[in-house]
Amino acid sequence: MKKTHLTLFSTFAFLAFFAPAPADPTEIDFDPQGANRGGNITGIPDSPLTIDLATFTGGELLNAEVGMNTDRSGVYATEGTFGSGETNPLLISFAVPLQAFSVLLLNGDDSMSYTVSDDLGESLTHLVPSAGSSGASIFSLPGVGLKAVRIASANADTWDFAIDNLSFTPTASIPEPESLSLVGVGVVLLFAIWLYRHRRLLQR
């Protein structure tokens, strides 16, 4: 009986070894990157900008951006006043599929509608209070497997917004077909060993 329990334990241990481990959440706050930057928008983008698993396109790094009193730290900002240097929407792409994405959006405009969408077809639209009312809003997309996010202002001409405090969790990697085959072979062999020993016990 002890041998049977040992065999079953080995089976579960084998499966656990090959099971993908859950990934830890990743957070990006732009503080290290924006530490030596000023607070005034220049129209000179830091684009593309890669931090950890994320690549940002269309904005510039600032620290304690002027006019955005809600967030006095590093941000990634874009404004339409300076022509084509920065963009609306801001784009974020990711090196791996992820889930549970969220971002803090800071509005430097009058009360304005913003839409955050992903490449899975999910989107959220919020009416964010004006900069004078400390306008900010957190957007969260639960999609599993997303690899790109688009952040857009309804003001297509003189937009003014920034993002901060991104959070996301890389999805657990799916085993390759070869690994799954090995798992299957291992399970069959372990079951065969268990069945052989079980029959021998019954014959005694």
N, C-alpha and C. Protein backbone atom coordinates (compact mmCIF):
# COMPACT_ATOMS: atom_id res chain seq x y z
N MET A 1 0.83 -1.21 0.00
CA MET A 1 0.00 0.00 0.00
C MET A 1 0.86 1.26 0.00
N LYS A 2 1.99 1.19 0.75
CA LYS A 2 2.88 2.34 0.79
C LYS A 2 3.47 2.61 -0.59
N LYS A 3 3.77 1.50 -1.31
CA LYS A 3 4.32 1.67 -2.66
C LYS A 3 3.30 2.35 -3.57
N THR A 4 2.02 2.00 -3.40
CA THR A 4 0.97 2.62 -4.21
C THR A 4 0.90 4.11 -3.94
N HIS A 5 0.93 4.50 -2.67
CA HIS A 5 0.89 5.92 -2.32
C HIS A 5 2.11 6.65 -2.88
N LEU A 6 3.28 5.96 -2.83
CA LEU A 6 4.49 6.58 -3.34
C LEU A 6 4.39 6.81 -4.84
N THR A 7 3.81 5.85 -5.54
CA THR A 7 3.65 5.98 -6.99
C THR A 7 2.72 7.13 -7.34
N LEU A 8 1.59 7.22 -6.62
CA LEU A 8 0.66 8.32 -6.87
C LEU A 8 1.29 9.67 -6.56
N PHE A 9 2.06 9.71 -5.48
CA PHE A 9 2.75 10.95 -5.13
C PHE A 9 3.72 11.35 -6.24
N SER A 10 4.43 10.37 -6.79
CA SER A 10 5.38 10.64 -7.88
C SER A 10 4.67 11.20 -9.10
N THR A 11 3.46 10.67 -9.37
CA THR A 11 2.68 11.17 -10.51
C THR A 11 2.34 12.64 -10.35
N PHE A 12 1.83 12.99 -9.17
CA PHE A 12 1.47 14.40 -8.95
C PHE A 12 2.70 15.30 -8.95
N ALA A 13 3.81 14.81 -8.42
CA ALA A 13 5.04 15.60 -8.42
C ALA A 13 5.52 15.84 -9.84
N PHE A 14 5.40 14.80 -10.67
CA PHE A 14 5.81 14.92 -12.06
C PHE A 14 4.98 15.97 -12.80
N LEU A 15 3.67 15.93 -12.59
CA LEU A 15 2.78 16.90 -13.23
C LEU A 15 3.04 18.31 -12.71
N ALA A 16 3.27 18.43 -11.42
CA ALA A 16 3.52 19.76 -10.83
C ALA A 16 4.80 20.37 -11.39
N PHE A 17 5.79 19.51 -11.67
CA PHE A 17 7.06 20.01 -12.19
C PHE A 17 6.87 20.65 -13.55
N PHE A 18 6.01 20.07 -14.38
CA PHE A 18 5.80 20.57 -15.73
C PHE A 18 4.73 21.65 -15.82
N ALA A 19 3.95 21.82 -14.75
CA ALA A 19 2.88 22.84 -14.78
C ALA A 19 3.49 24.22 -14.77
N PRO A 20 2.97 25.17 -15.57
CA PRO A 20 3.51 26.52 -15.59
C PRO A 20 3.27 27.23 -14.27
N ALA A 21 4.30 27.91 -13.77
CA ALA A 21 4.18 28.64 -12.51
C ALA A 21 3.46 29.96 -12.75
N PRO A 22 2.60 30.39 -11.82
CA PRO A 22 1.91 31.66 -11.99
C PRO A 22 2.91 32.82 -11.98
N ALA A 23 2.70 33.79 -12.86
CA ALA A 23 3.62 34.92 -12.96
C ALA A 23 3.26 36.00 -11.93
N ASP A 24 4.26 36.75 -11.51
CA ASP A 24 4.04 37.86 -10.59
C ASP A 24 3.61 39.11 -11.36
N PRO A 25 2.79 39.97 -10.75
CA PRO A 25 2.40 41.22 -11.41
C PRO A 25 3.62 42.11 -11.65
N THR A 26 3.58 42.85 -12.73
CA THR A 26 4.61 43.83 -13.07
C THR A 26 4.02 45.23 -12.92
N GLU A 27 4.77 46.15 -12.33
CA GLU A 27 4.32 47.53 -12.17
C GLU A 27 5.36 48.48 -12.76
N ILE A 28 4.89 49.49 -13.46
CA ILE A 28 5.75 50.51 -14.06
C ILE A 28 5.23 51.87 -13.62
N ASP A 29 6.08 52.67 -12.94
CA ASP A 29 5.63 53.97 -12.45
C ASP A 29 6.40 55.15 -13.06
N PHE A 30 7.36 54.88 -13.93
CA PHE A 30 8.14 55.91 -14.65
C PHE A 30 9.01 56.77 -13.74
N ASP A 31 9.05 56.48 -12.45
CA ASP A 31 9.85 57.32 -11.55
C ASP A 31 11.35 57.24 -11.83
N PRO A 32 11.94 56.06 -11.98
CA PRO A 32 13.38 56.03 -12.29
C PRO A 32 13.71 56.69 -13.63
N GLN A 33 12.86 56.46 -14.63
CA GLN A 33 13.13 56.99 -15.97
C GLN A 33 12.92 58.51 -16.04
N GLY A 34 11.96 59.03 -15.27
CA GLY A 34 11.66 60.46 -15.33
C GLY A 34 12.30 61.30 -14.25
N ALA A 35 13.16 60.70 -13.45
CA ALA A 35 13.70 61.39 -12.26
C ALA A 35 14.42 62.68 -12.60
N ASN A 36 15.14 62.72 -13.71
CA ASN A 36 15.92 63.92 -14.06
C ASN A 36 15.27 64.76 -15.14
N ARG A 37 14.00 64.54 -15.36
CA ARG A 37 13.28 65.31 -16.38
C ARG A 37 12.57 66.50 -15.74
N GLY A 38 12.27 67.47 -16.57
CA GLY A 38 11.49 68.62 -16.10
C GLY A 38 10.01 68.32 -16.10
N GLY A 39 9.23 69.36 -15.76
CA GLY A 39 7.79 69.19 -15.69
C GLY A 39 7.05 69.80 -16.86
N ASN A 40 7.77 70.45 -17.78
CA ASN A 40 7.13 71.09 -18.93
C ASN A 40 7.24 70.22 -20.17
N ILE A 41 6.12 70.06 -20.86
CA ILE A 41 6.10 69.29 -22.09
C ILE A 41 6.97 69.97 -23.14
N THR A 42 7.74 69.20 -23.91
CA THR A 42 8.64 69.77 -24.91
C THR A 42 8.22 69.42 -26.34
N GLY A 43 7.44 68.36 -26.49
CA GLY A 43 7.09 67.91 -27.82
C GLY A 43 8.15 67.01 -28.44
N ILE A 44 9.21 66.72 -27.67
CA ILE A 44 10.26 65.83 -28.15
C ILE A 44 10.02 64.46 -27.52
N PRO A 45 9.55 63.50 -28.28
CA PRO A 45 9.12 62.23 -27.66
C PRO A 45 10.27 61.32 -27.27
N ASP A 46 10.04 60.56 -26.23
CA ASP A 46 10.88 59.41 -25.89
C ASP A 46 10.15 58.21 -26.46
N SER A 47 10.41 57.92 -27.71
CA SER A 47 9.57 56.95 -28.42
C SER A 47 10.36 56.30 -29.55
N PRO A 48 10.39 54.98 -29.59
CA PRO A 48 9.79 54.07 -28.62
C PRO A 48 10.62 54.01 -27.33
N LEU A 49 9.93 53.75 -26.24
CA LEU A 49 10.55 53.65 -24.92
C LEU A 49 10.20 52.27 -24.35
N THR A 50 11.22 51.46 -24.09
CA THR A 50 10.99 50.12 -23.56
C THR A 50 11.37 50.06 -22.09
N ILE A 51 10.42 49.64 -21.27
CA ILE A 51 10.63 49.44 -19.84
C ILE A 51 10.09 48.05 -19.50
N ASP A 52 10.97 47.20 -19.03
CA ASP A 52 10.58 45.84 -18.69
C ASP A 52 9.96 45.17 -19.91
N LEU A 53 8.72 44.67 -19.81
CA LEU A 53 8.08 43.97 -20.92
C LEU A 53 7.29 44.88 -21.84
N ALA A 54 7.23 46.18 -21.51
CA ALA A 54 6.37 47.12 -22.25
C ALA A 54 7.18 48.08 -23.11
N THR A 55 6.65 48.38 -24.28
CA THR A 55 7.24 49.40 -25.17
C THR A 55 6.19 50.46 -25.43
N PHE A 56 6.54 51.72 -25.12
CA PHE A 56 5.62 52.85 -25.22
C PHE A 56 5.97 53.68 -26.46
N THR A 57 4.93 54.12 -27.15
CA THR A 57 5.12 54.91 -28.37
C THR A 57 4.22 56.14 -28.34
N GLY A 58 4.82 57.32 -28.64
CA GLY A 58 4.01 58.52 -28.84
C GLY A 58 4.09 59.57 -27.76
N GLY A 59 4.87 59.35 -26.69
CA GLY A 59 4.90 60.32 -25.60
C GLY A 59 6.31 60.63 -25.13
N GLU A 60 6.41 61.42 -24.07
CA GLU A 60 7.72 61.77 -23.50
C GLU A 60 7.68 61.64 -21.98
N LEU A 61 8.84 61.39 -21.41
CA LEU A 61 8.97 61.26 -19.96
C LEU A 61 9.03 62.64 -19.31
N LEU A 62 8.25 62.83 -18.26
CA LEU A 62 8.27 64.06 -17.47
C LEU A 62 8.27 63.71 -15.99
N ASN A 63 8.65 64.68 -15.18
CA ASN A 63 8.61 64.51 -13.74
C ASN A 63 7.81 65.64 -13.13
N ALA A 64 6.76 65.30 -12.39
CA ALA A 64 5.86 66.30 -11.79
C ALA A 64 5.39 67.29 -12.86
N GLU A 65 4.67 66.76 -13.85
CA GLU A 65 4.24 67.58 -14.99
C GLU A 65 3.42 68.78 -14.54
N VAL A 66 3.77 69.91 -15.09
CA VAL A 66 3.08 71.16 -14.79
C VAL A 66 1.61 71.05 -15.20
N GLY A 67 0.71 71.42 -14.30
CA GLY A 67 -0.72 71.39 -14.58
C GLY A 67 -1.41 70.10 -14.18
N MET A 68 -0.62 69.09 -13.79
CA MET A 68 -1.22 67.82 -13.37
C MET A 68 -0.90 67.59 -11.90
N ASN A 69 -1.65 68.27 -11.05
CA ASN A 69 -1.35 68.25 -9.63
C ASN A 69 -1.72 66.94 -8.94
N THR A 70 -2.47 66.09 -9.64
CA THR A 70 -2.85 64.80 -9.06
C THR A 70 -1.65 63.88 -8.89
N ASP A 71 -0.67 64.01 -9.77
CA ASP A 71 0.47 63.10 -9.79
C ASP A 71 1.75 63.92 -9.90
N ARG A 72 2.55 63.96 -8.83
CA ARG A 72 3.77 64.75 -8.81
C ARG A 72 5.00 63.85 -8.94
N SER A 73 4.90 62.83 -9.76
CA SER A 73 6.01 61.89 -9.95
C SER A 73 6.27 61.73 -11.44
N GLY A 74 7.04 60.69 -11.80
CA GLY A 74 7.32 60.44 -13.20
C GLY A 74 6.09 59.98 -13.95
N VAL A 75 5.92 60.49 -15.18
CA VAL A 75 4.79 60.11 -16.03
C VAL A 75 5.27 59.99 -17.47
N TYR A 76 4.42 59.40 -18.30
CA TYR A 76 4.65 59.36 -19.75
C TYR A 76 3.53 60.17 -20.37
N ALA A 77 3.89 61.31 -20.98
CA ALA A 77 2.89 62.31 -21.37
C ALA A 77 2.88 62.57 -22.87
N THR A 78 1.74 63.07 -23.35
CA THR A 78 1.61 63.48 -24.74
C THR A 78 0.69 64.69 -24.83
N GLU A 79 1.02 65.59 -25.77
CA GLU A 79 0.22 66.80 -25.94
C GLU A 79 0.19 67.18 -27.41
N GLY A 80 -0.98 67.66 -27.88
CA GLY A 80 -1.13 67.96 -29.28
C GLY A 80 -0.67 69.35 -29.70
N THR A 81 -0.29 70.18 -28.75
CA THR A 81 0.09 71.56 -29.05
C THR A 81 1.31 71.66 -29.95
N PHE A 82 2.22 70.68 -29.84
CA PHE A 82 3.51 70.79 -30.52
C PHE A 82 3.55 70.08 -31.87
N GLY A 83 2.41 69.79 -32.44
CA GLY A 83 2.39 69.19 -33.77
C GLY A 83 2.55 67.68 -33.74
N SER A 84 3.41 67.15 -34.63
CA SER A 84 3.44 65.72 -34.86
C SER A 84 4.47 64.96 -34.01
N GLY A 85 5.14 65.65 -33.08
CA GLY A 85 6.16 64.95 -32.29
C GLY A 85 5.59 63.90 -31.39
N GLU A 86 4.39 64.15 -30.84
CA GLU A 86 3.75 63.20 -29.94
C GLU A 86 2.38 62.84 -30.50
N THR A 87 1.84 61.76 -30.02
CA THR A 87 0.66 61.21 -30.70
C THR A 87 -0.52 61.00 -29.77
N ASN A 88 -1.67 61.00 -30.37
CA ASN A 88 -2.93 60.58 -29.77
C ASN A 88 -3.55 59.61 -30.77
N PRO A 89 -3.56 58.33 -30.47
CA PRO A 89 -3.39 57.71 -29.15
C PRO A 89 -1.93 57.42 -28.78
N LEU A 90 -1.72 57.19 -27.48
CA LEU A 90 -0.50 56.54 -27.02
C LEU A 90 -0.67 55.04 -27.25
N LEU A 91 0.43 54.40 -27.63
CA LEU A 91 0.39 52.96 -27.87
C LEU A 91 1.35 52.24 -26.94
N ILE A 92 0.93 51.08 -26.44
CA ILE A 92 1.79 50.24 -25.61
C ILE A 92 1.73 48.83 -26.18
N SER A 93 2.89 48.28 -26.46
CA SER A 93 2.97 46.88 -26.89
C SER A 93 3.76 46.09 -25.84
N PHE A 94 3.52 44.78 -25.80
CA PHE A 94 4.12 43.95 -24.77
C PHE A 94 4.87 42.77 -25.40
N ALA A 95 5.97 42.40 -24.77
CA ALA A 95 6.82 41.35 -25.31
C ALA A 95 6.19 39.97 -25.15
N VAL A 96 5.28 39.84 -24.20
CA VAL A 96 4.60 38.56 -23.96
C VAL A 96 3.11 38.82 -23.74
N PRO A 97 2.26 37.83 -23.94
CA PRO A 97 0.84 37.99 -23.62
C PRO A 97 0.66 38.24 -22.13
N LEU A 98 -0.37 39.02 -21.79
CA LEU A 98 -0.58 39.33 -20.38
C LEU A 98 -2.07 39.44 -20.07
N GLN A 99 -2.34 39.69 -18.78
CA GLN A 99 -3.72 39.84 -18.31
C GLN A 99 -3.73 40.87 -17.19
N ALA A 100 -4.95 41.22 -16.77
CA ALA A 100 -5.14 42.13 -15.62
C ALA A 100 -4.36 43.43 -15.80
N PHE A 101 -4.56 44.08 -16.94
CA PHE A 101 -3.89 45.35 -17.22
C PHE A 101 -4.65 46.51 -16.58
N SER A 102 -3.93 47.44 -15.98
CA SER A 102 -4.54 48.68 -15.49
C SER A 102 -3.56 49.82 -15.65
N VAL A 103 -4.10 51.03 -15.77
CA VAL A 103 -3.26 52.22 -15.94
C VAL A 103 -3.98 53.43 -15.34
N LEU A 104 -3.22 54.32 -14.74
CA LEU A 104 -3.75 55.59 -14.25
C LEU A 104 -3.61 56.61 -15.35
N LEU A 105 -4.73 57.20 -15.78
CA LEU A 105 -4.71 58.24 -16.81
C LEU A 105 -4.91 59.61 -16.15
N LEU A 106 -4.05 60.55 -16.51
CA LEU A 106 -4.09 61.91 -15.97
C LEU A 106 -4.51 62.87 -17.08
N ASN A 107 -5.56 63.62 -16.84
CA ASN A 107 -6.11 64.53 -17.84
C ASN A 107 -5.56 65.94 -17.64
N GLY A 108 -4.88 66.49 -18.66
CA GLY A 108 -4.40 67.86 -18.62
C GLY A 108 -5.29 68.81 -19.38
N ASP A 109 -6.44 68.35 -19.79
CA ASP A 109 -7.37 69.07 -20.65
C ASP A 109 -8.60 69.49 -19.84
N ASP A 110 -9.57 70.09 -20.52
CA ASP A 110 -10.89 70.25 -19.92
C ASP A 110 -11.48 68.85 -19.71
N SER A 111 -12.63 68.79 -19.06
CA SER A 111 -13.28 67.49 -18.88
C SER A 111 -13.34 66.78 -20.24
N MET A 112 -12.82 65.56 -20.28
CA MET A 112 -12.61 64.92 -21.57
C MET A 112 -12.87 63.41 -21.49
N SER A 113 -13.34 62.86 -22.61
CA SER A 113 -13.60 61.43 -22.72
C SER A 113 -12.34 60.72 -23.23
N TYR A 114 -11.98 59.63 -22.55
CA TYR A 114 -10.83 58.84 -22.95
C TYR A 114 -11.25 57.38 -23.12
N THR A 115 -10.61 56.73 -24.09
CA THR A 115 -10.89 55.32 -24.35
C THR A 115 -9.60 54.53 -24.30
N VAL A 116 -9.61 53.46 -23.53
CA VAL A 116 -8.47 52.53 -23.46
C VAL A 116 -8.96 51.20 -24.02
N SER A 117 -8.25 50.69 -25.02
CA SER A 117 -8.67 49.46 -25.69
C SER A 117 -7.47 48.54 -25.89
N ASP A 118 -7.77 47.25 -26.10
CA ASP A 118 -6.68 46.30 -26.34
C ASP A 118 -6.88 45.57 -27.65
N ASP A 119 -5.91 44.73 -27.99
CA ASP A 119 -5.94 44.03 -29.27
C ASP A 119 -6.88 42.82 -29.25
N LEU A 120 -7.55 42.58 -28.12
CA LEU A 120 -8.55 41.51 -28.04
C LEU A 120 -9.96 42.02 -28.32
N GLY A 121 -10.08 43.34 -28.51
CA GLY A 121 -11.38 43.92 -28.80
C GLY A 121 -12.09 44.50 -27.59
N GLU A 122 -11.49 44.45 -26.42
CA GLU A 122 -12.10 45.02 -25.22
C GLU A 122 -11.72 46.50 -25.10
N SER A 123 -12.63 47.31 -24.57
CA SER A 123 -12.34 48.73 -24.41
C SER A 123 -13.16 49.32 -23.26
N LEU A 124 -12.65 50.42 -22.73
CA LEU A 124 -13.33 51.18 -21.69
C LEU A 124 -13.27 52.65 -22.05
N THR A 125 -14.37 53.36 -21.83
CA THR A 125 -14.40 54.80 -22.05
C THR A 125 -14.86 55.49 -20.77
N HIS A 126 -14.06 56.45 -20.30
CA HIS A 126 -14.39 57.22 -19.10
C HIS A 126 -14.39 58.70 -19.43
N LEU A 127 -15.31 59.43 -18.82
CA LEU A 127 -15.28 60.88 -18.86
C LEU A 127 -14.45 61.33 -17.66
N VAL A 128 -13.29 61.89 -17.92
CA VAL A 128 -12.35 62.24 -16.86
C VAL A 128 -12.46 63.73 -16.55
N PRO A 129 -12.56 64.09 -15.28
CA PRO A 129 -12.67 65.51 -14.90
C PRO A 129 -11.50 66.33 -15.43
N SER A 130 -11.67 67.63 -15.45
CA SER A 130 -10.65 68.53 -15.99
C SER A 130 -9.40 68.53 -15.11
N ALA A 131 -8.32 69.07 -15.68
CA ALA A 131 -7.06 69.18 -14.93
C ALA A 131 -7.25 70.04 -13.69
N GLY A 132 -8.06 71.08 -13.80
CA GLY A 132 -8.32 71.94 -12.66
C GLY A 132 -9.06 71.25 -11.53
N SER A 133 -9.73 70.15 -11.85
CA SER A 133 -10.44 69.36 -10.84
C SER A 133 -9.67 68.10 -10.49
N SER A 134 -8.34 68.16 -10.70
CA SER A 134 -7.47 67.01 -10.43
C SER A 134 -7.93 65.78 -11.18
N GLY A 135 -8.20 65.97 -12.46
CA GLY A 135 -8.75 64.88 -13.26
C GLY A 135 -7.83 63.69 -13.43
N ALA A 136 -8.31 62.54 -13.03
CA ALA A 136 -7.57 61.29 -13.18
C ALA A 136 -8.55 60.13 -13.11
N SER A 137 -8.19 59.03 -13.77
CA SER A 137 -9.05 57.86 -13.74
C SER A 137 -8.22 56.60 -13.97
N ILE A 138 -8.58 55.52 -13.30
CA ILE A 138 -7.92 54.24 -13.50
C ILE A 138 -8.73 53.41 -14.49
N PHE A 139 -8.06 52.93 -15.52
CA PHE A 139 -8.68 52.05 -16.52
C PHE A 139 -8.14 50.65 -16.32
N SER A 140 -9.02 49.65 -16.30
CA SER A 140 -8.60 48.26 -16.11
C SER A 140 -9.21 47.38 -17.19
N LEU A 141 -8.36 46.58 -17.81
CA LEU A 141 -8.79 45.62 -18.83
C LEU A 141 -8.43 44.22 -18.36
N PRO A 142 -9.41 43.33 -18.23
CA PRO A 142 -9.13 42.00 -17.68
C PRO A 142 -8.64 40.98 -18.69
N GLY A 143 -8.65 41.35 -19.98
CA GLY A 143 -8.40 40.39 -21.05
C GLY A 143 -7.18 39.52 -20.85
N VAL A 144 -7.31 38.23 -21.07
CA VAL A 144 -6.22 37.27 -20.94
C VAL A 144 -5.58 37.05 -22.31
N GLY A 145 -4.29 37.35 -22.40
CA GLY A 145 -3.58 37.16 -23.66
C GLY A 145 -3.39 38.41 -24.48
N LEU A 146 -3.73 39.58 -23.92
CA LEU A 146 -3.57 40.81 -24.70
C LEU A 146 -2.09 41.14 -24.87
N LYS A 147 -1.74 41.78 -26.01
CA LYS A 147 -0.35 42.14 -26.28
C LYS A 147 -0.19 43.59 -26.71
N ALA A 148 -1.29 44.34 -26.78
CA ALA A 148 -1.20 45.75 -27.16
C ALA A 148 -2.35 46.53 -26.56
N VAL A 149 -2.06 47.77 -26.17
CA VAL A 149 -3.07 48.66 -25.59
C VAL A 149 -2.98 50.02 -26.27
N ARG A 150 -4.14 50.61 -26.49
CA ARG A 150 -4.25 51.92 -27.16
C ARG A 150 -4.98 52.86 -26.22
N ILE A 151 -4.41 54.05 -25.98
CA ILE A 151 -5.00 55.02 -25.06
C ILE A 151 -5.26 56.31 -25.84
N ALA A 152 -6.53 56.70 -25.97
CA ALA A 152 -6.90 57.79 -26.87
C ALA A 152 -7.77 58.82 -26.18
N SER A 153 -7.50 60.09 -26.49
CA SER A 153 -8.34 61.20 -26.06
C SER A 153 -9.34 61.53 -27.15
N ALA A 154 -10.54 61.97 -26.75
CA ALA A 154 -11.55 62.39 -27.74
C ALA A 154 -11.17 63.72 -28.37
N ASN A 155 -10.23 64.44 -27.78
CA ASN A 155 -9.75 65.70 -28.35
C ASN A 155 -8.66 65.39 -29.36
N ALA A 156 -9.01 65.39 -30.63
CA ALA A 156 -8.08 64.96 -31.67
C ALA A 156 -7.06 66.03 -32.05
N ASP A 157 -7.25 67.27 -31.60
CA ASP A 157 -6.38 68.36 -32.04
C ASP A 157 -5.39 68.82 -30.97
N THR A 158 -5.89 69.17 -29.79
CA THR A 158 -5.01 69.71 -28.75
C THR A 158 -5.10 68.86 -27.48
N TRP A 159 -5.00 67.56 -27.65
CA TRP A 159 -5.06 66.63 -26.52
C TRP A 159 -3.95 66.94 -25.52
N ASP A 160 -4.16 66.53 -24.29
CA ASP A 160 -3.17 66.75 -23.24
C ASP A 160 -3.43 65.74 -22.12
N PHE A 161 -2.63 64.67 -22.09
CA PHE A 161 -2.81 63.66 -21.05
C PHE A 161 -1.51 62.92 -20.79
N ALA A 162 -1.50 62.19 -19.71
CA ALA A 162 -0.33 61.40 -19.33
C ALA A 162 -0.80 60.10 -18.69
N ILE A 163 0.11 59.15 -18.60
CA ILE A 163 -0.20 57.88 -17.94
C ILE A 163 0.85 57.59 -16.87
N ASP A 164 0.43 56.79 -15.88
CA ASP A 164 1.32 56.40 -14.80
C ASP A 164 0.80 55.12 -14.17
N ASN A 165 1.63 54.51 -13.36
CA ASN A 165 1.24 53.35 -12.52
C ASN A 165 0.58 52.23 -13.32
N LEU A 166 1.28 51.78 -14.35
CA LEU A 166 0.80 50.60 -15.08
C LEU A 166 0.98 49.35 -14.22
N SER A 167 0.03 48.45 -14.35
CA SER A 167 0.13 47.16 -13.67
C SER A 167 -0.41 46.09 -14.61
N PHE A 168 0.30 44.97 -14.70
CA PHE A 168 -0.16 43.86 -15.53
C PHE A 168 0.53 42.59 -15.09
N THR A 169 -0.06 41.47 -15.47
CA THR A 169 0.48 40.17 -15.10
C THR A 169 0.70 39.34 -16.36
N PRO A 170 1.93 38.96 -16.64
CA PRO A 170 2.16 38.07 -17.78
C PRO A 170 1.38 36.76 -17.59
N THR A 171 0.77 36.28 -18.66
CA THR A 171 0.04 35.02 -18.55
C THR A 171 1.03 33.88 -18.42
N ALA A 172 0.64 32.83 -17.70
CA ALA A 172 1.52 31.68 -17.52
C ALA A 172 1.79 31.05 -18.87
N SER A 173 3.05 30.70 -19.10
CA SER A 173 3.41 30.11 -20.38
C SER A 173 2.76 28.75 -20.55
N ILE A 174 2.34 28.47 -21.77
CA ILE A 174 1.72 27.19 -22.09
C ILE A 174 2.81 26.22 -22.54
N PRO A 175 2.88 25.02 -21.96
CA PRO A 175 3.93 24.08 -22.35
C PRO A 175 3.91 23.80 -23.84
N GLU A 176 5.11 23.64 -24.42
CA GLU A 176 5.23 23.27 -25.82
C GLU A 176 4.64 21.87 -26.04
N PRO A 177 4.23 21.55 -27.28
CA PRO A 177 3.68 20.22 -27.56
C PRO A 177 4.63 19.10 -27.14
N GLU A 178 5.97 19.31 -27.32
CA GLU A 178 6.92 18.27 -26.93
C GLU A 178 6.85 18.01 -25.43
N SER A 179 6.72 19.08 -24.64
CA SER A 179 6.63 18.93 -23.19
C SER A 179 5.35 18.20 -22.79
N LEU A 180 4.25 18.55 -23.47
CA LEU A 180 2.99 17.87 -23.18
C LEU A 180 3.08 16.38 -23.51
N SER A 181 3.80 16.06 -24.59
CA SER A 181 3.97 14.65 -24.94
C SER A 181 4.75 13.91 -23.87
N LEU A 182 5.81 14.56 -23.35
CA LEU A 182 6.59 13.94 -22.28
C LEU A 182 5.74 13.71 -21.04
N VAL A 183 4.90 14.69 -20.72
CA VAL A 183 4.02 14.54 -19.57
C VAL A 183 3.09 13.35 -19.77
N GLY A 184 2.53 13.25 -20.97
CA GLY A 184 1.62 12.15 -21.25
C GLY A 184 2.30 10.79 -21.13
N VAL A 185 3.51 10.69 -21.69
CA VAL A 185 4.26 9.43 -21.60
C VAL A 185 4.56 9.10 -20.15
N GLY A 186 4.96 10.11 -19.37
CA GLY A 186 5.27 9.89 -17.97
C GLY A 186 4.08 9.40 -17.18
N VAL A 187 2.92 10.00 -17.44
CA VAL A 187 1.70 9.59 -16.73
C VAL A 187 1.34 8.15 -17.07
N VAL A 188 1.46 7.78 -18.36
CA VAL A 188 1.14 6.40 -18.77
C VAL A 188 2.08 5.41 -18.10
N LEU A 189 3.37 5.72 -18.06
CA LEU A 189 4.34 4.82 -17.44
C LEU A 189 4.07 4.67 -15.95
N LEU A 190 3.81 5.79 -15.27
CA LEU A 190 3.55 5.73 -13.84
C LEU A 190 2.27 4.93 -13.55
N PHE A 191 1.25 5.10 -14.40
CA PHE A 191 0.01 4.35 -14.21
C PHE A 191 0.26 2.86 -14.43
N ALA A 192 1.10 2.53 -15.42
CA ALA A 192 1.40 1.13 -15.70
C ALA A 192 2.11 0.49 -14.50
N ILE A 193 3.05 1.24 -13.92
CA ILE A 193 3.76 0.74 -12.74
C ILE A 193 2.80 0.52 -11.59
N TRP A 194 1.91 1.50 -11.39
CA TRP A 194 0.93 1.37 -10.31
C TRP A 194 0.02 0.17 -10.52
N LEU A 195 -0.44 -0.02 -11.77
CA LEU A 195 -1.35 -1.13 -12.07
C LEU A 195 -0.66 -2.46 -11.86
N TYR A 196 0.61 -2.54 -12.28
CA TYR A 196 1.37 -3.79 -12.11
C TYR A 196 1.51 -4.13 -10.63
N ARG A 197 1.86 -3.17 -9.82
CA ARG A 197 2.04 -3.42 -8.39
C ARG A 197 0.71 -3.73 -7.70
N HIS A 198 -0.34 -3.05 -8.15
CA HIS A 198 -1.66 -3.29 -7.58
C HIS A 198 -2.11 -4.73 -7.85
N ARG A 199 -1.88 -5.23 -9.05
CA ARG A 199 -2.26 -6.60 -9.39
C ARG A 199 -1.45 -7.60 -8.58
N ARG A 200 -0.18 -7.30 -8.37
CA ARG A 200 0.65 -8.21 -7.58
C ARG A 200 0.16 -8.28 -6.14
N LEU A 201 -0.29 -7.14 -5.61
CA LEU A 201 -0.82 -7.15 -4.24
C LEU A 201 -2.09 -7.99 -4.16
N LEU A 202 -2.94 -7.92 -5.20
CA LEU A 202 -4.19 -8.69 -5.19
C LEU A 202 -3.93 -10.19 -5.32
N GLN A 203 -2.83 -10.58 -5.94
CA GLN A 203 -2.53 -11.99 -6.15
C GLN A 203 -1.94 -12.65 -4.91
N ARG A 204 -1.53 -11.84 -3.94
CA ARG A 204 -0.92 -12.41 -2.73
C ARG A 204 -1.99 -13.00 -1.81
